[in-house]
Amino acid sequence: MDENMSNQNIVLKLRGANFFGQESKGLMQLRGNGNLKLTDHALHFKQWLKKKEILIRLSDIQTVETVTSHLHKSVGKPLLKVTFLNELGKLDSVAWWVRDSAKWIIAINDLKKKSETYHKGY
């Protein structure tokens, strides 16, 4: 990870977020649990068993929404889906089942607005 999470303000965190995969990696990914953190600069996921990490800068996030499935996987509950620009500059998406997806959507959108307002002032 190229961003040091230790010096960033953690806005939300969830132990046990259920990961449904990254669109660009294809349909054959297995779901898995891990820690999901939202800081004032990024969304960070660290999967427990596979040791997979995903870091998405807020500036790269395009949309945040709830969906009923992701990559043909579902649990019968709303999933938090994040569409973002990946390291290749292409649209990509990830999804998790989290306890309160509405809270995560509001927090991400609020942070993005604050960041955009701050950068417009300079």
PDB file of N, CA and C in Angstrom:
ATOM      1  N   MET A   1       0.832  -1.170   0.000  1.00  0.00           N
ATOM      2  CA  MET A   1       0.000   0.000   0.000  1.00  0.00           C
ATOM      3  C   MET A   1       0.884   1.243   0.000  1.00  0.00           C
ATOM      4  N   ASP A   2       0.574   2.163  -0.878  1.00  0.00           N
ATOM      5  CA  ASP A   2       1.409   3.348  -0.958  1.00  0.00           C
ATOM      6  C   ASP A   2       0.927   4.472  -0.068  1.00  0.00           C
ATOM      7  N   GLU A   3      -0.198   4.298   0.617  1.00  0.00           N
ATOM      8  CA  GLU A   3      -0.673   5.319   1.527  1.00  0.00           C
ATOM      9  C   GLU A   3      -0.612   4.766   2.933  1.00  0.00           C
ATOM     10  N   ASN A   4      -0.035   5.544   3.858  1.00  0.00           N
ATOM     11  CA  ASN A   4       0.105   5.120   5.234  1.00  0.00           C
ATOM     12  C   ASN A   4      -1.207   5.348   5.964  1.00  0.00           C
ATOM     13  N   MET A   5      -1.879   4.272   6.333  1.00  0.00           N
ATOM     14  CA  MET A   5      -3.183   4.375   6.983  1.00  0.00           C
ATOM     15  C   MET A   5      -3.065   4.892   8.411  1.00  0.00           C
ATOM     16  N   SER A   6      -1.899   4.786   9.017  1.00  0.00           N
ATOM     17  CA  SER A   6      -1.770   5.139  10.423  1.00  0.00           C
ATOM     18  C   SER A   6      -1.929   6.631  10.685  1.00  0.00           C
ATOM     19  N   ASN A   7      -1.653   7.475   9.689  1.00  0.00           N
ATOM     20  CA  ASN A   7      -1.765   8.904   9.933  1.00  0.00           C
ATOM     21  C   ASN A   7      -3.028   9.497   9.313  1.00  0.00           C
ATOM     22  N   GLN A   8      -4.010   8.650   9.005  1.00  0.00           N
ATOM     23  CA  GLN A   8      -5.265   9.116   8.446  1.00  0.00           C
ATOM     24  C   GLN A   8      -6.385   8.924   9.459  1.00  0.00           C
ATOM     25  N   ASN A   9      -7.302   9.865   9.480  1.00  0.00           N
ATOM     26  CA  ASN A   9      -8.451   9.811  10.363  1.00  0.00           C
ATOM     27  C   ASN A   9      -9.415   8.714   9.897  1.00  0.00           C
ATOM     28  N   ILE A  10      -9.687   7.742  10.751  1.00  0.00           N
ATOM     29  CA  ILE A  10     -10.633   6.685  10.411  1.00  0.00           C
ATOM     30  C   ILE A  10     -12.040   7.181  10.704  1.00  0.00           C
ATOM     31  N   VAL A  11     -12.863   7.244   9.665  1.00  0.00           N
ATOM     32  CA  VAL A  11     -14.229   7.743   9.764  1.00  0.00           C
ATOM     33  C   VAL A  11     -15.193   6.605  10.096  1.00  0.00           C
ATOM     34  N   LEU A  12     -15.045   5.484   9.405  1.00  0.00           N
ATOM     35  CA  LEU A  12     -15.854   4.291   9.651  1.00  0.00           C
ATOM     36  C   LEU A  12     -14.957   3.063   9.545  1.00  0.00           C
ATOM     37  N   LYS A  13     -15.275   2.045  10.304  1.00  0.00           N
ATOM     38  CA  LYS A  13     -14.550   0.787  10.147  1.00  0.00           C
ATOM     39  C   LYS A  13     -15.494  -0.352  10.492  1.00  0.00           C
ATOM     40  N   LEU A  14     -15.247  -1.475   9.839  1.00  0.00           N
ATOM     41  CA  LEU A  14     -16.066  -2.659  10.067  1.00  0.00           C
ATOM     42  C   LEU A  14     -15.188  -3.889   9.997  1.00  0.00           C
ATOM     43  N   ARG A  15     -15.224  -4.656  11.049  1.00  0.00           N
ATOM     44  CA  ARG A  15     -14.541  -5.941  11.085  1.00  0.00           C
ATOM     45  C   ARG A  15     -15.555  -6.980  10.602  1.00  0.00           C
ATOM     46  N   GLY A  16     -15.212  -7.708   9.556  1.00  0.00           N
ATOM     47  CA  GLY A  16     -16.119  -8.734   9.055  1.00  0.00           C
ATOM     48  C   GLY A  16     -16.939  -8.330   7.851  1.00  0.00           C
ATOM     49  N   ALA A  17     -16.492  -7.324   7.120  1.00  0.00           N
ATOM     50  CA  ALA A  17     -17.161  -6.978   5.859  1.00  0.00           C
ATOM     51  C   ALA A  17     -17.000  -8.160   4.909  1.00  0.00           C
ATOM     52  N   ASN A  18     -18.069  -8.513   4.203  1.00  0.00           N
ATOM     53  CA  ASN A  18     -18.043  -9.664   3.304  1.00  0.00           C
ATOM     54  C   ASN A  18     -17.804  -9.185   1.876  1.00  0.00           C
ATOM     55  N   PHE A  19     -16.639  -9.502   1.338  1.00  0.00           N
ATOM     56  CA  PHE A  19     -16.185  -9.042   0.022  1.00  0.00           C
ATOM     57  C   PHE A  19     -16.782  -9.922  -1.077  1.00  0.00           C
ATOM     58  N   PHE A  20     -17.330  -9.269  -2.121  1.00  0.00           N
ATOM     59  CA  PHE A  20     -17.956  -9.986  -3.232  1.00  0.00           C
ATOM     60  C   PHE A  20     -17.132  -9.937  -4.512  1.00  0.00           C
ATOM     61  N   GLY A  21     -15.937  -9.391  -4.456  1.00  0.00           N
ATOM     62  CA  GLY A  21     -15.051  -9.410  -5.609  1.00  0.00           C
ATOM     63  C   GLY A  21     -14.876  -8.070  -6.286  1.00  0.00           C
ATOM     64  N   GLN A  22     -13.873  -8.053  -7.154  1.00  0.00           N
ATOM     65  CA  GLN A  22     -13.530  -6.875  -7.960  1.00  0.00           C
ATOM     66  C   GLN A  22     -13.845  -7.206  -9.405  1.00  0.00           C
ATOM     67  N   GLU A  23     -14.640  -6.363 -10.030  1.00  0.00           N
ATOM     68  CA  GLU A  23     -15.150  -6.640 -11.379  1.00  0.00           C
ATOM     69  C   GLU A  23     -14.043  -6.986 -12.369  1.00  0.00           C
ATOM     70  N   SER A  24     -12.945  -6.237 -12.362  1.00  0.00           N
ATOM     71  CA  SER A  24     -11.872  -6.451 -13.336  1.00  0.00           C
ATOM     72  C   SER A  24     -11.156  -7.789 -13.155  1.00  0.00           C
ATOM     73  N   LYS A  25     -11.332  -8.429 -12.009  1.00  0.00           N
ATOM     74  CA  LYS A  25     -10.665  -9.711 -11.737  1.00  0.00           C
ATOM     75  C   LYS A  25     -11.498 -10.907 -12.189  1.00  0.00           C
ATOM     76  N   GLY A  26     -12.735 -10.669 -12.653  1.00  0.00           N
ATOM     77  CA  GLY A  26     -13.540 -11.746 -13.212  1.00  0.00           C
ATOM     78  C   GLY A  26     -14.490 -12.410 -12.238  1.00  0.00           C
ATOM     79  N   LEU A  27     -15.248 -13.360 -12.778  1.00  0.00           N
ATOM     80  CA  LEU A  27     -16.324 -14.007 -12.035  1.00  0.00           C
ATOM     81  C   LEU A  27     -15.866 -15.104 -11.075  1.00  0.00           C
ATOM     82  N   MET A  28     -14.674 -15.620 -11.228  1.00  0.00           N
ATOM     83  CA  MET A  28     -14.255 -16.801 -10.472  1.00  0.00           C
ATOM     84  C   MET A  28     -13.686 -16.500  -9.085  1.00  0.00           C
ATOM     85  N   GLN A  29     -13.779 -15.264  -8.633  1.00  0.00           N
ATOM     86  CA  GLN A  29     -13.257 -14.924  -7.313  1.00  0.00           C
ATOM     87  C   GLN A  29     -14.147 -15.493  -6.217  1.00  0.00           C
ATOM     88  N   LEU A  30     -13.532 -15.881  -5.140  1.00  0.00           N
ATOM     89  CA  LEU A  30     -14.282 -16.338  -3.987  1.00  0.00           C
ATOM     90  C   LEU A  30     -14.585 -15.166  -3.076  1.00  0.00           C
ATOM     91  N   ARG A  31     -15.735 -15.228  -2.429  1.00  0.00           N
ATOM     92  CA  ARG A  31     -16.060 -14.217  -1.431  1.00  0.00           C
ATOM     93  C   ARG A  31     -15.154 -14.416  -0.227  1.00  0.00           C
ATOM     94  N   GLY A  32     -15.036 -13.371   0.580  1.00  0.00           N
ATOM     95  CA  GLY A  32     -14.243 -13.508   1.788  1.00  0.00           C
ATOM     96  C   GLY A  32     -14.435 -12.335   2.716  1.00  0.00           C
ATOM     97  N   ASN A  33     -14.211 -12.572   3.991  1.00  0.00           N
ATOM     98  CA  ASN A  33     -14.368 -11.527   5.004  1.00  0.00           C
ATOM     99  C   ASN A  33     -13.063 -10.806   5.267  1.00  0.00           C
ATOM    100  N   GLY A  34     -13.204  -9.600   5.810  1.00  0.00           N
ATOM    101  CA  GLY A  34     -12.029  -8.818   6.165  1.00  0.00           C
ATOM    102  C   GLY A  34     -12.427  -7.521   6.833  1.00  0.00           C
ATOM    103  N   ASN A  35     -11.455  -6.653   6.994  1.00  0.00           N
ATOM    104  CA  ASN A  35     -11.669  -5.354   7.630  1.00  0.00           C
ATOM    105  C   ASN A  35     -11.814  -4.280   6.565  1.00  0.00           C
ATOM    106  N   LEU A  36     -12.867  -3.477   6.697  1.00  0.00           N
ATOM    107  CA  LEU A  36     -13.121  -2.369   5.786  1.00  0.00           C
ATOM    108  C   LEU A  36     -13.017  -1.084   6.586  1.00  0.00           C
ATOM    109  N   LYS A  37     -12.206  -0.141   6.083  1.00  0.00           N
ATOM    110  CA  LYS A  37     -12.016   1.142   6.758  1.00  0.00           C
ATOM    111  C   LYS A  37     -12.205   2.270   5.761  1.00  0.00           C
ATOM    112  N   LEU A  38     -12.860   3.307   6.210  1.00  0.00           N
ATOM    113  CA  LEU A  38     -12.985   4.538   5.443  1.00  0.00           C
ATOM    114  C   LEU A  38     -12.237   5.612   6.196  1.00  0.00           C
ATOM    115  N   THR A  39     -11.262   6.207   5.539  1.00  0.00           N
ATOM    116  CA  THR A  39     -10.538   7.319   6.136  1.00  0.00           C
ATOM    117  C   THR A  39     -10.925   8.586   5.389  1.00  0.00           C
ATOM    118  N   ASP A  40     -10.384   9.694   5.819  1.00  0.00           N
ATOM    119  CA  ASP A  40     -10.692  10.947   5.139  1.00  0.00           C
ATOM    120  C   ASP A  40     -10.055  11.039   3.761  1.00  0.00           C
ATOM    121  N   HIS A  41      -9.276  10.017   3.343  1.00  0.00           N
ATOM    122  CA  HIS A  41      -8.634  10.019   2.030  1.00  0.00           C
ATOM    123  C   HIS A  41      -8.901   8.783   1.168  1.00  0.00           C
ATOM    124  N   ALA A  42      -9.326   7.669   1.799  1.00  0.00           N
ATOM    125  CA  ALA A  42      -9.409   6.421   1.030  1.00  0.00           C
ATOM    126  C   ALA A  42     -10.339   5.408   1.686  1.00  0.00           C
ATOM    127  N   LEU A  43     -10.707   4.426   0.881  1.00  0.00           N
ATOM    128  CA  LEU A  43     -11.430   3.250   1.341  1.00  0.00           C
ATOM    129  C   LEU A  43     -10.435   2.098   1.275  1.00  0.00           C
ATOM    130  N   HIS A  44     -10.283   1.369   2.372  1.00  0.00           N
ATOM    131  CA  HIS A  44      -9.251   0.340   2.465  1.00  0.00           C
ATOM    132  C   HIS A  44      -9.874  -0.964   2.952  1.00  0.00           C
ATOM    133  N   PHE A  45      -9.620  -2.048   2.221  1.00  0.00           N
ATOM    134  CA  PHE A  45     -10.107  -3.367   2.612  1.00  0.00           C
ATOM    135  C   PHE A  45      -8.939  -4.326   2.715  1.00  0.00           C
ATOM    136  N   LYS A  46      -8.919  -5.081   3.793  1.00  0.00           N
ATOM    137  CA  LYS A  46      -7.888  -6.103   3.987  1.00  0.00           C
ATOM    138  C   LYS A  46      -8.586  -7.420   4.286  1.00  0.00           C
ATOM    139  N   GLN A  47      -8.491  -8.355   3.329  1.00  0.00           N
ATOM    140  CA  GLN A  47      -9.137  -9.657   3.466  1.00  0.00           C
ATOM    141  C   GLN A  47      -8.324 -10.531   4.406  1.00  0.00           C
ATOM    142  N   TRP A  48      -8.998 -11.285   5.247  1.00  0.00           N
ATOM    143  CA  TRP A  48      -8.310 -12.051   6.273  1.00  0.00           C
ATOM    144  C   TRP A  48      -7.526 -13.237   5.724  1.00  0.00           C
ATOM    145  N   LEU A  49      -8.168 -14.162   5.053  1.00  0.00           N
ATOM    146  CA  LEU A  49      -7.493 -15.403   4.677  1.00  0.00           C
ATOM    147  C   LEU A  49      -6.569 -15.258   3.469  1.00  0.00           C
ATOM    148  N   LYS A  50      -7.019 -14.546   2.452  1.00  0.00           N
ATOM    149  CA  LYS A  50      -6.202 -14.436   1.241  1.00  0.00           C
ATOM    150  C   LYS A  50      -5.155 -13.333   1.339  1.00  0.00           C
ATOM    151  N   LYS A  51      -5.197 -12.549   2.398  1.00  0.00           N
ATOM    152  CA  LYS A  51      -4.269 -11.431   2.593  1.00  0.00           C
ATOM    153  C   LYS A  51      -4.353 -10.422   1.447  1.00  0.00           C
ATOM    154  N   LYS A  52      -5.518 -10.349   0.810  1.00  0.00           N
ATOM    155  CA  LYS A  52      -5.740  -9.421  -0.287  1.00  0.00           C
ATOM    156  C   LYS A  52      -6.028  -8.039   0.299  1.00  0.00           C
ATOM    157  N   GLU A  53      -5.469  -7.013  -0.330  1.00  0.00           N
ATOM    158  CA  GLU A  53      -5.726  -5.637   0.092  1.00  0.00           C
ATOM    159  C   GLU A  53      -6.186  -4.811  -1.092  1.00  0.00           C
ATOM    160  N   ILE A  54      -7.140  -3.938  -0.825  1.00  0.00           N
ATOM    161  CA  ILE A  54      -7.639  -3.010  -1.834  1.00  0.00           C
ATOM    162  C   ILE A  54      -7.623  -1.625  -1.218  1.00  0.00           C
ATOM    163  N   LEU A  55      -7.056  -0.678  -1.919  1.00  0.00           N
ATOM    164  CA  LEU A  55      -7.037   0.711  -1.485  1.00  0.00           C
ATOM    165  C   LEU A  55      -7.611   1.555  -2.611  1.00  0.00           C
ATOM    166  N   ILE A  56      -8.683   2.270  -2.319  1.00  0.00           N
ATOM    167  CA  ILE A  56      -9.326   3.121  -3.318  1.00  0.00           C
ATOM    168  C   ILE A  56      -9.330   4.547  -2.777  1.00  0.00           C
ATOM    169  N   ARG A  57      -8.603   5.423  -3.450  1.00  0.00           N
ATOM    170  CA  ARG A  57      -8.597   6.831  -3.046  1.00  0.00           C
ATOM    171  C   ARG A  57      -9.980   7.432  -3.276  1.00  0.00           C
ATOM    172  N   LEU A  58     -10.412   8.293  -2.372  1.00  0.00           N
ATOM    173  CA  LEU A  58     -11.719   8.934  -2.534  1.00  0.00           C
ATOM    174  C   LEU A  58     -11.821   9.652  -3.871  1.00  0.00           C
ATOM    175  N   SER A  59     -10.728  10.252  -4.313  1.00  0.00           N
ATOM    176  CA  SER A  59     -10.743  10.986  -5.586  1.00  0.00           C
ATOM    177  C   SER A  59     -10.983  10.072  -6.784  1.00  0.00           C
ATOM    178  N   ASP A  60     -10.755   8.763  -6.623  1.00  0.00           N
ATOM    179  CA  ASP A  60     -10.978   7.805  -7.708  1.00  0.00           C
ATOM    180  C   ASP A  60     -12.387   7.215  -7.697  1.00  0.00           C
ATOM    181  N   ILE A  61     -13.121   7.419  -6.616  1.00  0.00           N
ATOM    182  CA  ILE A  61     -14.473   6.870  -6.520  1.00  0.00           C
ATOM    183  C   ILE A  61     -15.411   7.670  -7.412  1.00  0.00           C
ATOM    184  N   GLN A  62     -16.137   6.964  -8.273  1.00  0.00           N
ATOM    185  CA  GLN A  62     -17.083   7.589  -9.203  1.00  0.00           C
ATOM    186  C   GLN A  62     -18.508   7.537  -8.660  1.00  0.00           C
ATOM    187  N   THR A  63     -18.937   6.378  -8.171  1.00  0.00           N
ATOM    188  CA  THR A  63     -20.271   6.230  -7.600  1.00  0.00           C
ATOM    189  C   THR A  63     -20.236   5.244  -6.442  1.00  0.00           C
ATOM    190  N   VAL A  64     -21.210   5.423  -5.559  1.00  0.00           N
ATOM    191  CA  VAL A  64     -21.412   4.507  -4.438  1.00  0.00           C
ATOM    192  C   VAL A  64     -22.914   4.246  -4.386  1.00  0.00           C
ATOM    193  N   GLU A  65     -23.287   2.969  -4.317  1.00  0.00           N
ATOM    194  CA  GLU A  65     -24.710   2.632  -4.350  1.00  0.00           C
ATOM    195  C   GLU A  65     -24.937   1.282  -3.693  1.00  0.00           C
ATOM    196  N   THR A  66     -26.211   0.935  -3.521  1.00  0.00           N
ATOM    197  CA  THR A  66     -26.530  -0.414  -3.084  1.00  0.00           C
ATOM    198  C   THR A  66     -27.048  -1.188  -4.289  1.00  0.00           C
ATOM    199  N   VAL A  67     -26.694  -2.462  -4.325  1.00  0.00           N
ATOM    200  CA  VAL A  67     -27.139  -3.371  -5.385  1.00  0.00           C
ATOM    201  C   VAL A  67     -27.578  -4.674  -4.725  1.00  0.00           C
ATOM    202  N   THR A  68     -28.306  -5.487  -5.472  1.00  0.00           N
ATOM    203  CA  THR A  68     -28.759  -6.770  -4.917  1.00  0.00           C
ATOM    204  C   THR A  68     -27.778  -7.902  -5.168  1.00  0.00           C
ATOM    205  N   SER A  69     -26.884  -7.718  -6.168  1.00  0.00           N
ATOM    206  CA  SER A  69     -25.865  -8.741  -6.433  1.00  0.00           C
ATOM    207  C   SER A  69     -24.652  -8.082  -7.085  1.00  0.00           C
ATOM    208  N   HIS A  70     -23.549  -8.802  -7.033  1.00  0.00           N
ATOM    209  CA  HIS A  70     -22.308  -8.331  -7.664  1.00  0.00           C
ATOM    210  C   HIS A  70     -21.589  -9.563  -8.184  1.00  0.00           C
ATOM    211  N   LEU A  71     -21.224  -9.537  -9.466  1.00  0.00           N
ATOM    212  CA  LEU A  71     -20.549 -10.666 -10.105  1.00  0.00           C
ATOM    213  C   LEU A  71     -21.352 -11.961  -9.935  1.00  0.00           C
ATOM    214  N   HIS A  72     -22.655 -11.842 -10.072  1.00  0.00           N
ATOM    215  CA  HIS A  72     -23.606 -12.963  -9.982  1.00  0.00           C
ATOM    216  C   HIS A  72     -23.651 -13.604  -8.597  1.00  0.00           C
ATOM    217  N   LYS A  73     -23.236 -12.858  -7.561  1.00  0.00           N
ATOM    218  CA  LYS A  73     -23.282 -13.359  -6.190  1.00  0.00           C
ATOM    219  C   LYS A  73     -24.210 -12.463  -5.375  1.00  0.00           C
ATOM    220  N   SER A  74     -24.979 -13.070  -4.474  1.00  0.00           N
ATOM    221  CA  SER A  74     -25.843 -12.277  -3.608  1.00  0.00           C
ATOM    222  C   SER A  74     -26.049 -13.000  -2.283  1.00  0.00           C
ATOM    223  N   VAL A  75     -26.593 -12.255  -1.315  1.00  0.00           N
ATOM    224  CA  VAL A  75     -26.946 -12.840  -0.018  1.00  0.00           C
ATOM    225  C   VAL A  75     -28.371 -12.457   0.372  1.00  0.00           C
ATOM    226  N   GLY A  76     -29.122 -11.919  -0.557  1.00  0.00           N
ATOM    227  CA  GLY A  76     -30.492 -11.529  -0.268  1.00  0.00           C
ATOM    228  C   GLY A  76     -30.603 -10.251   0.535  1.00  0.00           C
ATOM    229  N   LYS A  77     -29.508  -9.509   0.637  1.00  0.00           N
ATOM    230  CA  LYS A  77     -29.474  -8.235   1.355  1.00  0.00           C
ATOM    231  C   LYS A  77     -28.746  -7.234   0.468  1.00  0.00           C
ATOM    232  N   PRO A  78     -28.974  -5.933   0.677  1.00  0.00           N
ATOM    233  CA  PRO A  78     -28.278  -4.929  -0.137  1.00  0.00           C
ATOM    234  C   PRO A  78     -26.763  -4.995   0.060  1.00  0.00           C
ATOM    235  N   LEU A  79     -26.041  -4.836  -1.050  1.00  0.00           N
ATOM    236  CA  LEU A  79     -24.581  -4.786  -1.017  1.00  0.00           C
ATOM    237  C   LEU A  79     -24.125  -3.361  -1.279  1.00  0.00           C
ATOM    238  N   LEU A  80     -23.027  -2.980  -0.673  1.00  0.00           N
ATOM    239  CA  LEU A  80     -22.397  -1.689  -0.930  1.00  0.00           C
ATOM    240  C   LEU A  80     -21.500  -1.855  -2.155  1.00  0.00           C
ATOM    241  N   LYS A  81     -21.821  -1.138  -3.231  1.00  0.00           N
ATOM    242  CA  LYS A  81     -21.020  -1.217  -4.455  1.00  0.00           C
ATOM    243  C   LYS A  81     -20.312   0.112  -4.674  1.00  0.00           C
ATOM    244  N   VAL A  82     -19.015   0.031  -4.921  1.00  0.00           N
ATOM    245  CA  VAL A  82     -18.189   1.209  -5.180  1.00  0.00           C
ATOM    246  C   VAL A  82     -17.615   1.080  -6.583  1.00  0.00           C
ATOM    247  N   THR A  83     -17.925   2.053  -7.429  1.00  0.00           N
ATOM    248  CA  THR A  83     -17.356   2.110  -8.779  1.00  0.00           C
ATOM    249  C   THR A  83     -16.263   3.168  -8.748  1.00  0.00           C
ATOM    250  N   PHE A  84     -15.102   2.815  -9.297  1.00  0.00           N
ATOM    251  CA  PHE A  84     -13.929   3.686  -9.175  1.00  0.00           C
ATOM    252  C   PHE A  84     -13.025   3.541 -10.392  1.00  0.00           C
ATOM    253  N   LEU A  85     -12.084   4.455 -10.497  1.00  0.00           N
ATOM    254  CA  LEU A  85     -11.044   4.349 -11.525  1.00  0.00           C
ATOM    255  C   LEU A  85      -9.896   3.544 -10.930  1.00  0.00           C
ATOM    256  N   ASN A  86      -9.551   2.436 -11.593  1.00  0.00           N
ATOM    257  CA  ASN A  86      -8.471   1.598 -11.065  1.00  0.00           C
ATOM    258  C   ASN A  86      -7.097   2.151 -11.467  1.00  0.00           C
ATOM    259  N   GLU A  87      -6.055   1.398 -11.139  1.00  0.00           N
ATOM    260  CA  GLU A  87      -4.677   1.854 -11.399  1.00  0.00           C
ATOM    261  C   GLU A  87      -4.382   2.024 -12.887  1.00  0.00           C
ATOM    262  N   LEU A  88      -5.207   1.451 -13.757  1.00  0.00           N
ATOM    263  CA  LEU A  88      -5.043   1.607 -15.206  1.00  0.00           C
ATOM    264  C   LEU A  88      -5.890   2.759 -15.757  1.00  0.00           C
ATOM    265  N   GLY A  89      -6.618   3.433 -14.859  1.00  0.00           N
ATOM    266  CA  GLY A  89      -7.483   4.533 -15.279  1.00  0.00           C
ATOM    267  C   GLY A  89      -8.800   4.063 -15.881  1.00  0.00           C
ATOM    268  N   LYS A  90      -9.143   2.795 -15.664  1.00  0.00           N
ATOM    269  CA  LYS A  90     -10.378   2.220 -16.210  1.00  0.00           C
ATOM    270  C   LYS A  90     -11.418   2.065 -15.096  1.00  0.00           C
ATOM    271  N   LEU A  91     -12.691   2.150 -15.486  1.00  0.00           N
ATOM    272  CA  LEU A  91     -13.753   1.943 -14.510  1.00  0.00           C
ATOM    273  C   LEU A  91     -13.733   0.508 -14.005  1.00  0.00           C
ATOM    274  N   ASP A  92     -13.890   0.359 -12.705  1.00  0.00           N
ATOM    275  CA  ASP A  92     -13.875  -0.931 -12.048  1.00  0.00           C
ATOM    276  C   ASP A  92     -14.873  -0.844 -10.900  1.00  0.00           C
ATOM    277  N   SER A  93     -15.198  -1.960 -10.287  1.00  0.00           N
ATOM    278  CA  SER A  93     -16.094  -1.910  -9.139  1.00  0.00           C
ATOM    279  C   SER A  93     -15.794  -3.048  -8.179  1.00  0.00           C
ATOM    280  N   VAL A  94     -16.170  -2.816  -6.936  1.00  0.00           N
ATOM    281  CA  VAL A  94     -16.078  -3.809  -5.870  1.00  0.00           C
ATOM    282  C   VAL A  94     -17.380  -3.737  -5.078  1.00  0.00           C
ATOM    283  N   ALA A  95     -17.678  -4.775  -4.325  1.00  0.00           N
ATOM    284  CA  ALA A  95     -18.878  -4.752  -3.489  1.00  0.00           C
ATOM    285  C   ALA A  95     -18.642  -5.545  -2.215  1.00  0.00           C
ATOM    286  N   TRP A  96     -19.331  -5.106  -1.165  1.00  0.00           N
ATOM    287  CA  TRP A  96     -19.282  -5.769   0.131  1.00  0.00           C
ATOM    288  C   TRP A  96     -20.680  -5.835   0.714  1.00  0.00           C
ATOM    289  N   TRP A  97     -20.911  -6.839   1.537  1.00  0.00           N
ATOM    290  CA  TRP A  97     -22.053  -6.780   2.415  1.00  0.00           C
ATOM    291  C   TRP A  97     -21.551  -6.170   3.709  1.00  0.00           C
ATOM    292  N   VAL A  98     -22.179  -5.066   4.099  1.00  0.00           N
ATOM    293  CA  VAL A  98     -21.877  -4.383   5.360  1.00  0.00           C
ATOM    294  C   VAL A  98     -23.194  -4.215   6.105  1.00  0.00           C
ATOM    295  N   ARG A  99     -23.129  -4.071   7.407  1.00  0.00           N
ATOM    296  CA  ARG A  99     -24.351  -3.990   8.219  1.00  0.00           C
ATOM    297  C   ARG A  99     -25.230  -2.803   7.858  1.00  0.00           C
ATOM    298  N   ASP A 100     -24.660  -1.667   7.580  1.00  0.00           N
ATOM    299  CA  ASP A 100     -25.442  -0.457   7.321  1.00  0.00           C
ATOM    300  C   ASP A 100     -24.896   0.243   6.078  1.00  0.00           C
ATOM    301  N   SER A 101     -25.286  -0.246   4.914  1.00  0.00           N
ATOM    302  CA  SER A 101     -24.738   0.298   3.666  1.00  0.00           C
ATOM    303  C   SER A 101     -25.095   1.775   3.491  1.00  0.00           C
ATOM    304  N   ALA A 102     -26.273   2.191   3.962  1.00  0.00           N
ATOM    305  CA  ALA A 102     -26.673   3.600   3.827  1.00  0.00           C
ATOM    306  C   ALA A 102     -25.695   4.513   4.574  1.00  0.00           C
ATOM    307  N   LYS A 103     -25.254   4.099   5.742  1.00  0.00           N
ATOM    308  CA  LYS A 103     -24.298   4.891   6.527  1.00  0.00           C
ATOM    309  C   LYS A 103     -22.973   5.044   5.767  1.00  0.00           C
ATOM    310  N   TRP A 104     -22.518   3.965   5.127  1.00  0.00           N
ATOM    311  CA  TRP A 104     -21.275   4.002   4.363  1.00  0.00           C
ATOM    312  C   TRP A 104     -21.424   4.918   3.145  1.00  0.00           C
ATOM    313  N   ILE A 105     -22.550   4.840   2.463  1.00  0.00           N
ATOM    314  CA  ILE A 105     -22.777   5.674   1.278  1.00  0.00           C
ATOM    315  C   ILE A 105     -22.774   7.151   1.665  1.00  0.00           C
ATOM    316  N   ILE A 106     -23.486   7.489   2.731  1.00  0.00           N
ATOM    317  CA  ILE A 106     -23.539   8.884   3.186  1.00  0.00           C
ATOM    318  C   ILE A 106     -22.141   9.375   3.564  1.00  0.00           C
ATOM    319  N   ALA A 107     -21.406   8.571   4.309  1.00  0.00           N
ATOM    320  CA  ALA A 107     -20.062   8.974   4.757  1.00  0.00           C
ATOM    321  C   ALA A 107     -19.116   9.176   3.571  1.00  0.00           C
ATOM    322  N   ILE A 108     -19.127   8.262   2.614  1.00  0.00           N
ATOM    323  CA  ILE A 108     -18.240   8.391   1.438  1.00  0.00           C
ATOM    324  C   ILE A 108     -18.607   9.626   0.631  1.00  0.00           C
ATOM    325  N   ASN A 109     -19.896   9.811   0.371  1.00  0.00           N
ATOM    326  CA  ASN A 109     -20.318  10.980  -0.415  1.00  0.00           C
ATOM    327  C   ASN A 109     -20.012  12.283   0.303  1.00  0.00           C
ATOM    328  N   ASP A 110     -20.203  12.323   1.626  1.00  0.00           N
ATOM    329  CA  ASP A 110     -19.867  13.534   2.391  1.00  0.00           C
ATOM    330  C   ASP A 110     -18.383  13.852   2.317  1.00  0.00           C
ATOM    331  N   LEU A 111     -17.544  12.832   2.464  1.00  0.00           N
ATOM    332  CA  LEU A 111     -16.097  13.042   2.391  1.00  0.00           C
ATOM    333  C   LEU A 111     -15.679  13.512   1.001  1.00  0.00           C
ATOM    334  N   LYS A 112     -16.291  12.933  -0.041  1.00  0.00           N
ATOM    335  CA  LYS A 112     -15.972  13.344  -1.411  1.00  0.00           C
ATOM    336  C   LYS A 112     -16.350  14.811  -1.626  1.00  0.00           C
ATOM    337  N   LYS A 113     -17.514  15.215  -1.142  1.00  0.00           N
ATOM    338  CA  LYS A 113     -17.949  16.617  -1.282  1.00  0.00           C
ATOM    339  C   LYS A 113     -16.996  17.554  -0.569  1.00  0.00           C
ATOM    340  N   LYS A 114     -16.614  17.210   0.662  1.00  0.00           N
ATOM    341  CA  LYS A 114     -15.683  18.037   1.426  1.00  0.00           C
ATOM    342  C   LYS A 114     -14.354  18.165   0.697  1.00  0.00           C
ATOM    343  N   SER A 115     -13.873  17.058   0.165  1.00  0.00           N
ATOM    344  CA  SER A 115     -12.603  17.056  -0.558  1.00  0.00           C
ATOM    345  C   SER A 115     -12.681  17.904  -1.823  1.00  0.00           C
ATOM    346  N   GLU A 116     -13.770  17.746  -2.571  1.00  0.00           N
ATOM    347  CA  GLU A 116     -13.947  18.532  -3.814  1.00  0.00           C
ATOM    348  C   GLU A 116     -14.072  20.013  -3.500  1.00  0.00           C
ATOM    349  N   THR A 117     -14.796  20.367  -2.437  1.00  0.00           N
ATOM    350  CA  THR A 117     -14.951  21.770  -2.040  1.00  0.00           C
ATOM    351  C   THR A 117     -13.595  22.350  -1.638  1.00  0.00           C
ATOM    352  N   TYR A 118     -12.828  21.590  -0.888  1.00  0.00           N
ATOM    353  CA  TYR A 118     -11.509  22.032  -0.439  1.00  0.00           C
ATOM    354  C   TYR A 118     -10.598  22.296  -1.652  1.00  0.00           C
ATOM    355  N   HIS A 119     -10.578  21.367  -2.594  1.00  0.00           N
ATOM    356  CA  HIS A 119      -9.690  21.496  -3.754  1.00  0.00           C
ATOM    357  C   HIS A 119     -10.129  22.585  -4.710  1.00  0.00           C
ATOM    358  N   LYS A 120     -11.424  22.909  -4.764  1.00  0.00           N
ATOM    359  CA  LYS A 120     -11.891  23.998  -5.615  1.00  0.00           C
ATOM    360  C   LYS A 120     -11.420  25.345  -5.082  1.00  0.00           C
ATOM    361  N   GLY A 121     -11.190  25.423  -3.780  1.00  0.00           N
ATOM    362  CA  GLY A 121     -10.755  26.673  -3.156  1.00  0.00           C
ATOM    363  C   GLY A 121      -9.299  27.000  -3.436  1.00  0.00           C
ATOM    364  N   TYR A 122      -8.550  26.054  -4.023  1.00  0.00           N
ATOM    365  CA  TYR A 122      -7.120  26.280  -4.275  1.00  0.00           C
ATOM    366  C   TYR A 122      -6.805  26.249  -5.748  1.00  0.00           C
TER     367      TYR A 122
END
